[in-house]
Amino acid sequence: MSLALALIVLFALTVITIHTISYAVWNWRNNKSGALQVFLICLVTIALPTYVYFFRT
C-alpha cells in the first residue's frame, strides 16, 4: 500500500472515529458505561489499522 493511500485510509478512519466519539459524548448523559465502551471501540478502530500499517513485517 502506498503512503498516499495509507494517509487517505487513516484520514477516513479518523473522520469516522470523531463522528462516533461525538455520539459517545452525547450518550454520556444517559448511559455512562455504554459511552465508555463506544469510546474504547473508537480507539481500537484508529489504533489497529495504524499499528498494522506501520509495524507490519
C-alpha atoms as a PDB file:
ATOM      1  CA  MET A   1       0.000   0.000   0.000  1.00  0.00           C
ATOM      2  CA  SER A   2       1.376   3.384  -0.943  1.00  0.00           C
ATOM      3  CA  LEU A   3       1.847   6.174   1.546  1.00  0.00           C
ATOM      4  CA  ALA A   4      -0.838   8.313  -0.110  1.00  0.00           C
ATOM      5  CA  LEU A   5      -3.411   5.527   0.125  1.00  0.00           C
ATOM      6  CA  ALA A   6      -2.467   4.850   3.734  1.00  0.00           C
ATOM      7  CA  LEU A   7      -2.950   8.517   4.609  1.00  0.00           C
ATOM      8  CA  ILE A   8      -6.348   8.556   2.896  1.00  0.00           C
ATOM      9  CA  VAL A   9      -7.429   5.454   4.820  1.00  0.00           C
ATOM     10  CA  LEU A  10      -6.189   6.894   8.119  1.00  0.00           C
ATOM     11  CA  PHE A  11      -7.958  10.183   7.390  1.00  0.00           C
ATOM     12  CA  ALA A  12     -11.231   8.355   6.682  1.00  0.00           C
ATOM     13  CA  LEU A  13     -10.884   6.325   9.874  1.00  0.00           C
ATOM     14  CA  THR A  14     -10.170   9.492  11.831  1.00  0.00           C
ATOM     15  CA  VAL A  15     -13.293  11.205  10.485  1.00  0.00           C
ATOM     16  CA  ILE A  16     -15.408   8.156  11.354  1.00  0.00           C
ATOM     17  CA  THR A  17     -13.851   7.997  14.805  1.00  0.00           C
ATOM     18  CA  ILE A  18     -14.504  11.680  15.504  1.00  0.00           C
ATOM     19  CA  HIS A  19     -18.127  11.269  14.473  1.00  0.00           C
ATOM     20  CA  THR A  20     -18.512   8.217  16.719  1.00  0.00           C
ATOM     21  CA  ILE A  21     -16.824   9.967  19.641  1.00  0.00           C
ATOM     22  CA  SER A  22     -19.345  12.787  19.320  1.00  0.00           C
ATOM     23  CA  TYR A  23     -22.050  10.133  19.749  1.00  0.00           C
ATOM     24  CA  ALA A  24     -20.253   8.800  22.834  1.00  0.00           C
ATOM     25  CA  VAL A  25     -20.137  12.294  24.318  1.00  0.00           C
ATOM     26  CA  TRP A  26     -23.868  12.732  23.655  1.00  0.00           C
ATOM     27  CA  ASN A  27     -24.570   9.293  25.129  1.00  0.00           C
ATOM     28  CA  TRP A  28     -22.534  10.079  28.266  1.00  0.00           C
ATOM     29  CA  ARG A  29     -25.530  11.893  29.794  1.00  0.00           C
ATOM     30  CA  ASN A  30     -27.763   8.813  29.692  1.00  0.00           C
ATOM     31  CA  ASN A  31     -25.524   5.763  29.705  1.00  0.00           C
ATOM     32  CA  LYS A  32     -22.001   6.240  31.011  1.00  0.00           C
ATOM     33  CA  SER A  33     -20.879   2.627  30.636  1.00  0.00           C
ATOM     34  CA  GLY A  34     -22.187   2.464  27.064  1.00  0.00           C
ATOM     35  CA  ALA A  35     -20.453   5.723  26.211  1.00  0.00           C
ATOM     36  CA  LEU A  36     -17.189   4.382  27.621  1.00  0.00           C
ATOM     37  CA  GLN A  37     -17.494   1.233  25.522  1.00  0.00           C
ATOM     38  CA  VAL A  38     -18.166   3.262  22.368  1.00  0.00           C
ATOM     39  CA  PHE A  39     -15.117   5.415  23.135  1.00  0.00           C
ATOM     40  CA  LEU A  40     -12.912   2.337  23.577  1.00  0.00           C
ATOM     41  CA  ILE A  41     -14.152   0.900  20.280  1.00  0.00           C
ATOM     42  CA  CYS A  42     -13.240   4.206  18.619  1.00  0.00           C
ATOM     43  CA  LEU A  43      -9.719   3.990  19.975  1.00  0.00           C
ATOM     44  CA  VAL A  44      -9.321   0.444  18.691  1.00  0.00           C
ATOM     45  CA  THR A  45     -10.752   1.463  15.314  1.00  0.00           C
ATOM     46  CA  ILE A  46      -7.993   4.022  14.791  1.00  0.00           C
ATOM     47  CA  ALA A  47      -5.166   2.210  16.617  1.00  0.00           C
ATOM     48  CA  LEU A  48      -5.391  -1.214  14.990  1.00  0.00           C
ATOM     49  CA  PRO A  49      -5.056  -0.109  11.334  1.00  0.00           C
ATOM     50  CA  THR A  50      -2.305   2.309  12.314  1.00  0.00           C
ATOM     51  CA  TYR A  51      -0.426  -0.483  14.086  1.00  0.00           C
ATOM     52  CA  VAL A  52      -0.881  -2.868  11.176  1.00  0.00           C
ATOM     53  CA  TYR A  53       0.348  -0.328   8.647  1.00  0.00           C
ATOM     54  CA  PHE A  54       3.420   0.915  10.487  1.00  0.00           C
ATOM     55  CA  PHE A  55       4.563  -2.295  12.174  1.00  0.00           C
ATOM     56  CA  ARG A  56       3.778  -4.972   9.615  1.00  0.00           C
ATOM     57  CA  THR A  57       6.555  -7.384   8.715  1.00  0.00           C
END
